[in-house]
Protein backbone atom coordinates (compact mmCIF):
# COMPACT_ATOMS: atom_id res chain seq x y z
CA MET A 1 155.83 82.01 99.94
CA SER A 2 158.81 79.77 99.27
CA PRO A 3 159.55 78.33 95.82
CA ASP A 4 159.34 74.77 97.23
CA SER A 5 155.68 75.12 98.29
CA SER A 6 154.38 73.98 94.88
CA GLN A 7 156.14 70.62 95.13
CA SER A 8 154.81 67.64 97.04
CA PRO A 9 156.33 66.86 100.44
CA PRO A 10 159.20 64.35 100.43
CA GLU A 11 157.22 61.69 102.33
CA ALA A 12 154.54 61.72 99.61
CA ALA A 13 157.15 61.06 96.94
CA GLU A 14 158.48 58.05 98.87
CA ALA A 15 155.07 56.46 99.53
CA PRO A 16 154.60 53.08 97.86
CA ASP A 17 151.96 52.62 95.20
CA ARG A 18 148.99 51.03 96.95
CA ARG A 19 146.72 50.62 93.93
CA PRO A 20 147.35 46.83 93.63
CA LEU A 21 146.55 46.39 97.32
CA ILE A 22 143.36 48.44 96.96
CA ALA A 23 142.30 46.42 93.90
CA PHE A 24 142.99 43.14 95.73
CA THR A 25 140.97 44.33 98.72
CA TRP A 26 138.01 45.28 96.54
CA LEU A 27 138.13 41.83 94.94
CA TRP A 28 138.49 40.14 98.35
CA VAL A 29 135.27 41.81 99.52
CA GLY A 30 133.47 42.26 96.21
CA ALA A 31 133.64 38.68 94.92
CA PRO A 32 131.85 37.07 97.88
CA LEU A 33 129.41 39.98 97.99
CA ALA A 34 128.57 39.55 94.29
CA TYR A 35 128.15 35.79 94.76
CA GLY A 36 125.90 36.34 97.76
CA LEU A 37 123.73 38.80 95.86
CA TYR A 38 123.52 36.36 92.94
CA GLU A 39 122.39 33.57 95.26
CA LEU A 40 119.89 35.90 96.95
CA VAL A 41 118.28 36.83 93.65
CA ARG A 42 118.26 33.21 92.50
CA LYS A 43 116.58 31.95 95.68
CA ALA A 44 114.14 34.87 95.79
CA THR A 45 112.98 34.11 92.26
CA GLN A 46 112.49 30.46 93.20
CA LEU A 47 110.52 31.50 96.27
CA PHE A 48 108.16 33.81 94.43
CA THR A 49 107.78 31.90 91.16
CA GLY A 50 107.49 28.39 92.57
């Protein structure tokens, strides 16, 4: 077992931080999905309540 095995590989240390991209992607998909679910519930209540 070499002493360097506890450290992360060099390519992992050079990887860019992708958290902003992941957050943007969740918003890109999540916002229209949330709006669609809101409209679905709104129209379903109108349908069943008159």
